């Protein structure tokens, strides 16, 4: 698989520039390309995006409203031309940089751009510097006919957004964004509801009671809505991994006190990077009633400094009758991925049942 950073290869950057030139013949291609090839080569994805945005700005010496109109004109329409996908990211970055003094024009541009990629990162500076005005705009967008714009409301206002910079101050006044989620949690789009769940999961890390109370209230108000169960489960994923009692109860999981791991085996004492290591375990329910059991596991990865850090992976769930055993077989892959660097040495496989951590088994990861 091609690395994500190649979305902003020199060739792709030139393609972005060509579409902007199509929209605005005054675009200076020579200024845009000058030194860009060498600049991009050593950079990673987000750094490359910033570099492309820098060169676009330099080649378009326009006032902000005029510049924004050009960028919107370059977006994909009904024909085969125009920008969509990752190619739109540098455009949203320019709005974030230049738009704080031009609020209305910025909001109009971001509403168009998020329909081709996402403007969740670009809306963050407006939430920091124009909180009340931006919140009013987000409330209006809750009724937007396009699901991508409605999804921007919940995703862009999350307290913790990967790559987007955190807004921890929202945790102190949760009503600001929970008022938005009240409007969106039963949105017809699964894309929007998933974002609502992500938003709630952020809050669960600091205010679990608020999240659980909200989910209980929503489910009582619409007990026959099949989408709320999925939303609730995704919203509580961190709480469930950590064995939070109220979250386990909400989703029908019992206490892990009556669960035992009778055997745990790894298929081999070592595995090479790029391969899989198999695992097999037998779980028994020692209680006198059936239990819904959630099996997850953590891999304790070795870091460059030699320490081990756990990463939890979803396993599976099953209803186990009183006294029943459940045999689980699976494999964990150590294939190379762009988001994780593997380091040779001791690792550990750690089973977890209904959030309870059981003793880990060590194995070696080799090059």
Protein backbone atom coordinates (compact mmCIF):
# COMPACT_ATOMS: atom_id res chain seq x y z
CA UNK A 1 0.00 0.00 0.00
CA UNK A 2 1.29 3.43 -0.95
CA UNK A 3 2.17 5.60 2.09
CA UNK A 4 -0.44 8.22 2.98
CA UNK A 5 2.13 10.99 2.46
CA UNK A 6 2.06 10.26 -1.28
CA UNK A 7 -1.32 11.97 -1.42
CA UNK A 8 0.92 15.05 -1.51
CA UNK A 9 3.63 13.83 -3.84
CA UNK A 10 5.08 16.42 -6.19
CA UNK A 11 3.00 15.00 -9.07
CA UNK A 12 -0.21 15.20 -7.03
CA UNK A 13 0.65 18.72 -5.87
CA UNK A 14 0.99 19.76 -9.53
CA UNK A 15 -2.42 18.22 -10.25
CA UNK A 16 -3.93 20.30 -7.45
CA UNK A 17 -2.31 23.40 -8.90
CA UNK A 18 -3.59 22.54 -12.39
CA UNK A 19 -7.20 22.47 -11.16
CA UNK A 20 -6.75 25.80 -9.40
CA UNK A 21 -5.24 27.22 -12.61
CA UNK A 22 -8.31 25.95 -14.48
CA UNK A 23 -10.49 27.89 -12.03
CA UNK A 24 -8.24 30.96 -12.02
CA UNK A 25 -5.93 31.42 -15.05
CA UNK A 26 -3.98 34.04 -13.09
CA UNK A 27 -2.56 31.31 -10.84
CA UNK A 28 1.25 31.42 -11.07
CA UNK A 29 2.37 27.84 -11.68
CA UNK A 30 6.07 28.73 -11.73
CA UNK A 31 5.84 30.34 -8.30
CA UNK A 32 3.93 27.34 -7.00
CA UNK A 33 6.42 24.73 -8.20
CA UNK A 34 9.61 26.64 -7.34
CA UNK A 35 11.54 24.48 -4.85
CA UNK A 36 8.48 22.38 -3.95
CA UNK A 37 9.84 19.04 -5.18
CA UNK A 38 12.87 19.10 -2.87
CA UNK A 39 10.84 20.55 0.00
CA UNK A 40 8.26 17.74 -0.08
CA UNK A 41 10.70 14.82 -0.32
CA UNK A 42 11.69 14.49 3.39
CA UNK A 43 8.30 15.46 4.84
CA UNK A 44 5.46 13.33 6.22
CA UNK A 45 1.76 13.67 5.36
CA UNK A 46 0.64 16.67 7.41
CA UNK A 47 3.91 18.55 6.83
CA UNK A 48 3.51 18.03 3.10
CA UNK A 49 -0.05 19.34 3.25
CA UNK A 50 1.20 22.50 4.98
CA UNK A 51 3.94 22.93 2.36
CA UNK A 52 1.43 22.65 -0.49
CA UNK A 53 -0.82 25.19 1.24
CA UNK A 54 2.17 27.54 1.64
CA UNK A 55 2.96 27.40 -2.08
CA UNK A 56 -0.69 27.80 -3.07
CA UNK A 57 -0.92 30.97 -1.02
CA UNK A 58 2.28 32.34 -2.52
CA UNK A 59 1.04 31.69 -6.05
CA UNK A 60 -2.35 33.32 -5.31
CA UNK A 61 -1.61 36.77 -3.86
CA UNK A 62 -5.27 37.66 -3.40
CA UNK A 63 -7.35 39.15 -0.60
CA UNK A 64 -8.98 36.46 1.52
CA UNK A 65 -12.57 36.64 0.15
CA UNK A 66 -11.34 36.64 -3.44
CA UNK A 67 -8.92 33.80 -2.67
CA UNK A 68 -11.65 31.72 -1.04
CA UNK A 69 -13.89 32.14 -4.10
CA UNK A 70 -11.09 30.79 -6.31
CA UNK A 71 -10.54 27.77 -4.06
CA UNK A 72 -14.26 26.94 -4.03
CA UNK A 73 -14.41 27.28 -7.81
CA UNK A 74 -11.65 24.65 -8.05
CA UNK A 75 -13.71 22.05 -6.18
CA UNK A 76 -15.15 19.04 -7.97
CA UNK A 77 -18.57 19.49 -9.48
CA UNK A 78 -20.76 17.27 -11.63
CA UNK A 79 -18.14 16.94 -14.37
CA UNK A 80 -14.81 15.08 -14.26
CA UNK A 81 -12.82 18.16 -13.30
CA UNK A 82 -12.15 19.69 -9.91
CA UNK A 83 -10.70 18.73 -6.55
CA UNK A 84 -11.98 16.18 -4.05
CA UNK A 85 -10.51 13.91 -1.40
CA UNK A 86 -7.12 14.65 0.17
CA UNK A 87 -6.45 17.26 -2.52
CA UNK A 88 -8.93 19.55 -0.72
CA UNK A 89 -7.07 19.45 2.60
CA UNK A 90 -4.59 22.25 1.75
CA UNK A 91 -7.53 24.41 0.68
CA UNK A 92 -9.24 24.01 4.05
CA UNK A 93 -5.91 24.82 5.73
CA UNK A 94 -5.78 28.14 3.86
CA UNK A 95 -9.29 28.97 5.09
CA UNK A 96 -8.19 28.20 8.66
CA UNK A 97 -5.16 30.49 8.29
CA UNK A 98 -6.75 33.41 6.50
CA UNK A 99 -10.39 33.26 7.47
CA UNK A 100 -10.65 34.45 11.07
CA UNK A 101 -11.26 38.00 9.93
CA UNK A 102 -13.76 36.91 7.25
CA UNK A 103 -16.17 34.68 9.13
CA UNK A 104 -19.13 34.48 6.73
CA UNK A 105 -16.95 33.82 3.67
CA UNK A 106 -15.00 31.19 5.61
CA UNK A 107 -18.12 29.33 6.71
CA UNK A 108 -19.49 29.32 3.17
CA UNK A 109 -16.21 27.94 1.84
CA UNK A 110 -15.87 25.25 4.51
CA UNK A 111 -19.45 24.08 3.93
CA UNK A 112 -18.51 23.50 0.28
CA UNK A 113 -15.13 21.93 0.98
CA UNK A 114 -16.34 19.48 3.63
CA UNK A 115 -18.65 17.94 1.01
CA UNK A 116 -15.54 16.95 -1.00
CA UNK A 117 -13.20 15.97 1.84
CA UNK A 118 -13.63 17.21 5.42
CA UNK A 119 -13.28 20.58 7.11
CA UNK A 120 -13.14 19.15 10.64
CA UNK A 121 -9.58 20.41 11.17
CA UNK A 122 -10.18 23.84 9.66
CA UNK A 123 -13.18 24.64 11.87
CA UNK A 124 -11.07 24.33 15.04
CA UNK A 125 -9.42 27.80 14.92
CA UNK A 126 -12.87 29.36 14.61
CA UNK A 127 -14.03 27.48 17.70
CA UNK A 128 -10.99 28.77 19.57
CA UNK A 129 -11.21 32.41 18.51
CA UNK A 130 -14.92 32.94 17.70
CA UNK A 131 -16.58 30.37 19.96
CA UNK A 132 -20.12 31.79 20.24
CA UNK A 133 -20.39 32.80 16.59
CA UNK A 134 -19.09 29.43 15.42
CA UNK A 135 -21.42 27.52 17.72
CA UNK A 136 -24.37 29.41 16.26
CA UNK A 137 -23.19 28.38 12.79
CA UNK A 138 -22.89 24.75 13.87
CA UNK A 139 -26.46 24.81 15.18
CA UNK A 140 -27.66 26.08 11.80
CA UNK A 141 -25.71 23.33 10.03
CA UNK A 142 -27.52 20.67 12.08
CA UNK A 143 -30.38 21.08 9.60
CA UNK A 144 -28.19 21.16 6.47
CA UNK A 145 -29.40 18.80 3.72
CA UNK A 146 -25.90 17.38 3.16
CA UNK A 147 -24.71 14.70 5.61
CA UNK A 148 -21.09 15.80 5.31
CA UNK A 149 -21.96 19.26 6.62
CA UNK A 150 -23.98 17.78 9.50
CA UNK A 151 -21.10 15.46 10.28
CA UNK A 152 -18.77 18.48 10.39
CA UNK A 153 -20.86 19.80 13.29
CA UNK A 154 -20.17 16.87 15.61
CA UNK A 155 -16.71 15.88 14.37
CA UNK A 156 -15.29 19.39 14.19
CA UNK A 157 -16.42 20.23 17.72
CA UNK A 158 -15.01 17.13 19.42
CA UNK A 159 -12.85 17.91 22.47
CA UNK A 160 -10.09 15.58 21.21
CA UNK A 161 -9.69 15.32 17.46
CA UNK A 162 -6.76 13.38 15.99
CA UNK A 163 -4.64 15.74 13.86
CA UNK A 164 -7.02 18.58 14.71
CA UNK A 165 -5.63 19.87 18.00
CA UNK A 166 -7.51 19.45 21.26
CA UNK A 167 -10.19 21.70 22.72
CA UNK A 168 -10.11 20.53 26.36
CA UNK A 169 -11.95 23.66 27.49
CA UNK A 170 -15.12 22.12 26.01
CA UNK A 171 -14.96 19.45 28.70
CA UNK A 172 -15.61 22.10 31.36
CA UNK A 173 -18.84 23.22 29.67
CA UNK A 174 -20.21 20.12 27.95
CA UNK A 175 -23.61 21.69 27.25
CA UNK A 176 -21.97 23.69 24.44
CA UNK A 177 -21.56 20.65 22.22
CA UNK A 178 -24.09 18.30 23.84
CA UNK A 179 -26.79 20.67 22.62
CA UNK A 180 -25.54 19.85 19.11
CA UNK A 181 -25.51 16.11 19.78
CA UNK A 182 -29.12 16.29 20.99
CA UNK A 183 -30.04 17.39 17.45
CA UNK A 184 -27.86 14.84 15.66
CA UNK A 185 -27.97 11.58 17.62
CA UNK A 186 -30.93 10.31 15.58
CA UNK A 187 -29.70 11.68 12.27
CA UNK A 188 -30.72 9.50 9.29
CA UNK A 189 -27.05 9.18 8.27
CA UNK A 190 -24.89 6.48 9.87
CA UNK A 191 -21.89 8.69 9.00
CA UNK A 192 -23.25 11.43 11.25
CA UNK A 193 -24.29 9.08 14.06
CA UNK A 194 -20.81 7.53 14.09
CA UNK A 195 -19.36 11.01 14.58
CA UNK A 196 -21.76 11.62 17.47
CA UNK A 197 -20.44 8.41 19.04
CA UNK A 198 -16.84 9.58 18.56
CA UNK A 199 -17.72 12.85 20.24
CA UNK A 200 -19.28 11.06 23.23
CA UNK A 201 -16.27 8.76 23.48
CA UNK A 202 -14.07 11.83 23.89
CA UNK A 203 -16.19 13.02 26.80
CA UNK A 204 -16.24 9.55 28.36
CA UNK A 205 -12.55 9.88 29.19
CA UNK A 206 -13.29 12.68 31.65
CA UNK A 207 -17.02 12.54 32.36
CA UNK A 208 -18.24 8.96 32.05
CA UNK A 209 -21.39 9.58 34.10
CA UNK A 210 -22.58 12.34 31.77
CA UNK A 211 -22.11 10.12 28.72
CA UNK A 212 -23.85 7.10 30.23
CA UNK A 213 -26.71 9.18 31.62
CA UNK A 214 -27.19 10.77 28.20
CA UNK A 215 -27.22 7.40 26.41
CA UNK A 216 -29.72 5.97 28.90
CA UNK A 217 -32.00 8.98 28.38
CA UNK A 218 -31.79 8.72 24.59
CA UNK A 219 -32.54 5.00 24.63
CA UNK A 220 -35.51 5.45 26.95
CA UNK A 221 -36.90 8.17 24.67
CA UNK A 222 -36.58 5.95 21.58
CA UNK A 223 -36.51 2.31 22.79
CA UNK A 224 -37.24 0.92 19.34
CA UNK A 225 -34.55 2.84 17.44
CA UNK A 226 -32.10 0.13 16.24
CA UNK A 227 -29.38 2.69 15.54
CA UNK A 228 -29.03 3.85 19.14
CA UNK A 229 -27.58 0.53 20.29
CA UNK A 230 -24.75 0.77 17.75
CA UNK A 231 -24.14 4.43 18.59
CA UNK A 232 -24.11 3.65 22.30
CA UNK A 233 -21.69 0.77 21.93
CA UNK A 234 -19.27 2.86 19.87
CA UNK A 235 -19.57 5.80 22.26
CA UNK A 236 -18.67 3.54 25.21
CA UNK A 237 -15.81 1.69 23.53
CA UNK A 238 -13.13 3.20 25.78
CA UNK A 239 -15.22 2.66 28.90
CA UNK A 240 -15.89 -0.96 27.91
CA UNK A 241 -12.22 -1.63 27.23
CA UNK A 242 -11.44 -0.27 30.68
CA UNK A 243 -14.14 -2.32 32.39
CA UNK A 244 -16.25 0.62 33.56
CA UNK A 245 -19.09 -0.97 35.63
CA UNK A 246 -21.90 1.32 34.45
CA UNK A 247 -20.89 0.95 30.79
CA UNK A 248 -20.72 -2.83 31.12
CA UNK A 249 -24.18 -2.86 32.72
CA UNK A 250 -25.62 -0.57 30.04
CA UNK A 251 -24.54 -3.02 27.34
CA UNK A 252 -25.57 -6.16 29.16
CA UNK A 253 -22.18 -7.45 30.26
CA UNK A 254 -21.85 -9.06 33.67
CA UNK A 255 -19.02 -8.86 36.15
CA UNK A 256 -15.82 -10.67 35.16
CA UNK A 257 -15.44 -12.02 38.71
CA UNK A 258 -17.06 -15.32 37.70
CA UNK A 259 -14.97 -15.73 34.56
CA UNK A 260 -11.77 -17.73 34.44
CA UNK A 261 -9.22 -18.42 31.73
CA UNK A 262 -8.53 -22.13 32.02
CA UNK A 263 -5.83 -22.18 29.37
CA UNK A 264 -3.92 -19.73 27.19
CA UNK A 265 -1.54 -20.72 24.41
CA UNK A 266 0.42 -18.81 21.81
CA UNK A 267 1.38 -20.64 18.64
CA UNK A 268 5.10 -20.21 19.01
CA UNK A 269 7.38 -18.29 21.32
CA UNK A 270 8.33 -15.78 18.63
CA UNK A 271 7.02 -14.12 15.48
CA UNK A 272 8.69 -12.07 12.75
CA UNK A 273 7.63 -8.60 11.68
CA UNK A 274 5.21 -9.05 8.79
CA UNK A 275 3.84 -12.36 10.13
CA UNK A 276 1.01 -13.38 12.48
CA UNK A 277 1.06 -15.02 15.87
CA UNK A 278 -1.82 -17.33 16.68
CA UNK A 279 -3.52 -17.54 20.05
CA UNK A 280 -5.90 -19.98 21.69
CA UNK A 281 -7.68 -19.67 25.03
CA UNK A 282 -10.49 -21.37 26.92
CA UNK A 283 -12.83 -19.28 29.07
CA UNK A 284 -15.22 -20.71 31.65
CA UNK A 285 -18.26 -19.14 33.28
CA UNK A 286 -18.20 -20.29 36.92
CA UNK A 287 -21.39 -18.47 37.87
CA UNK A 288 -24.87 -19.97 38.13
CA UNK A 289 -26.28 -17.77 35.39
CA UNK A 290 -25.49 -17.03 31.77
CA UNK A 291 -23.20 -14.08 31.13
CA UNK A 292 -22.57 -11.90 28.13
CA UNK A 293 -18.79 -11.93 27.73
CA UNK A 294 -16.61 -9.47 25.84
CA UNK A 295 -13.17 -10.76 24.92
CA UNK A 296 -10.53 -8.17 24.01
CA UNK A 297 -6.78 -8.40 24.17
CA UNK A 298 -3.87 -6.03 24.54
CA UNK A 299 -0.53 -6.33 22.80
CA UNK A 300 2.24 -4.77 24.88
CA UNK A 301 4.42 -3.27 22.15
CA UNK A 302 8.09 -2.56 22.74
CA UNK A 303 9.03 1.07 22.16
CA UNK A 304 12.39 2.36 20.97
CA UNK A 305 13.48 3.03 24.57
CA UNK A 306 12.72 -0.57 25.61
CA UNK A 307 9.53 0.09 27.59
CA UNK A 308 6.29 -1.77 26.86
CA UNK A 309 3.05 0.05 26.04
CA UNK A 310 -0.32 -1.76 25.72
CA UNK A 311 -2.61 -1.31 22.74
CA UNK A 312 -6.08 -2.88 23.11
CA UNK A 313 -7.61 -4.73 20.16
CA UNK A 314 -11.25 -5.77 19.83
CA UNK A 315 -11.90 -9.48 20.04
CA UNK A 316 -15.44 -10.82 20.07
CA UNK A 317 -18.49 -11.30 22.28
CA UNK A 318 -20.62 -14.28 23.24
CA UNK A 319 -23.34 -15.30 25.66
CA UNK A 320 -21.97 -18.09 27.87
CA UNK A 321 -24.28 -20.31 29.87
CA UNK A 322 -23.65 -21.19 33.51
CA UNK A 323 -20.67 -23.55 33.74
CA UNK A 324 -20.04 -23.39 29.99
CA UNK A 325 -16.61 -23.13 28.35
CA UNK A 326 -15.80 -20.91 25.37
CA UNK A 327 -12.79 -21.73 23.22
CA UNK A 328 -11.38 -18.82 21.23
CA UNK A 329 -8.87 -19.08 18.40
CA UNK A 330 -7.39 -16.16 16.54
CA UNK A 331 -4.25 -14.53 15.22
CA UNK A 332 -2.66 -11.12 15.58
CA UNK A 333 -0.84 -9.59 12.62
CA UNK A 334 2.46 -7.73 12.81
CA UNK A 335 2.35 -6.57 9.21
CA UNK A 336 4.01 -3.23 8.58
CA UNK A 337 1.65 -0.27 8.79
CA UNK A 338 2.37 3.43 8.42
CA UNK A 339 0.96 4.34 11.83
CA UNK A 340 3.12 2.02 13.97
CA UNK A 341 6.83 1.28 14.15
CA UNK A 342 7.73 -2.20 15.44
CA UNK A 343 10.80 -2.80 17.60
CA UNK A 344 12.27 -6.25 18.08
CA UNK A 345 12.32 -7.79 21.54
CA UNK A 346 9.92 -9.09 24.16
CA UNK A 347 6.22 -8.34 23.66
CA UNK A 348 3.20 -9.56 25.62
CA UNK A 349 -0.26 -10.88 24.82
CA UNK A 350 -2.76 -9.87 27.53
CA UNK A 351 -6.37 -11.18 27.47
CA UNK A 352 -9.18 -9.06 28.86
CA UNK A 353 -12.69 -10.23 29.74
CA UNK A 354 -15.42 -7.65 30.35
CA UNK A 355 -12.67 -5.13 30.97
CA UNK A 356 -10.82 -7.24 33.54
CA UNK A 357 -7.12 -7.71 32.82
CA UNK A 358 -5.79 -11.28 33.04
CA UNK A 359 -2.10 -12.33 33.24
CA UNK A 360 -0.15 -11.78 30.04
CA UNK A 361 2.03 -14.21 28.10
CA UNK A 362 5.36 -13.10 26.69
CA UNK A 363 6.68 -13.71 23.17
CA UNK A 364 9.52 -12.32 21.07
CA UNK A 365 9.13 -10.15 18.01
CA UNK A 366 12.00 -10.59 15.54
CA UNK A 367 13.13 -8.83 12.37
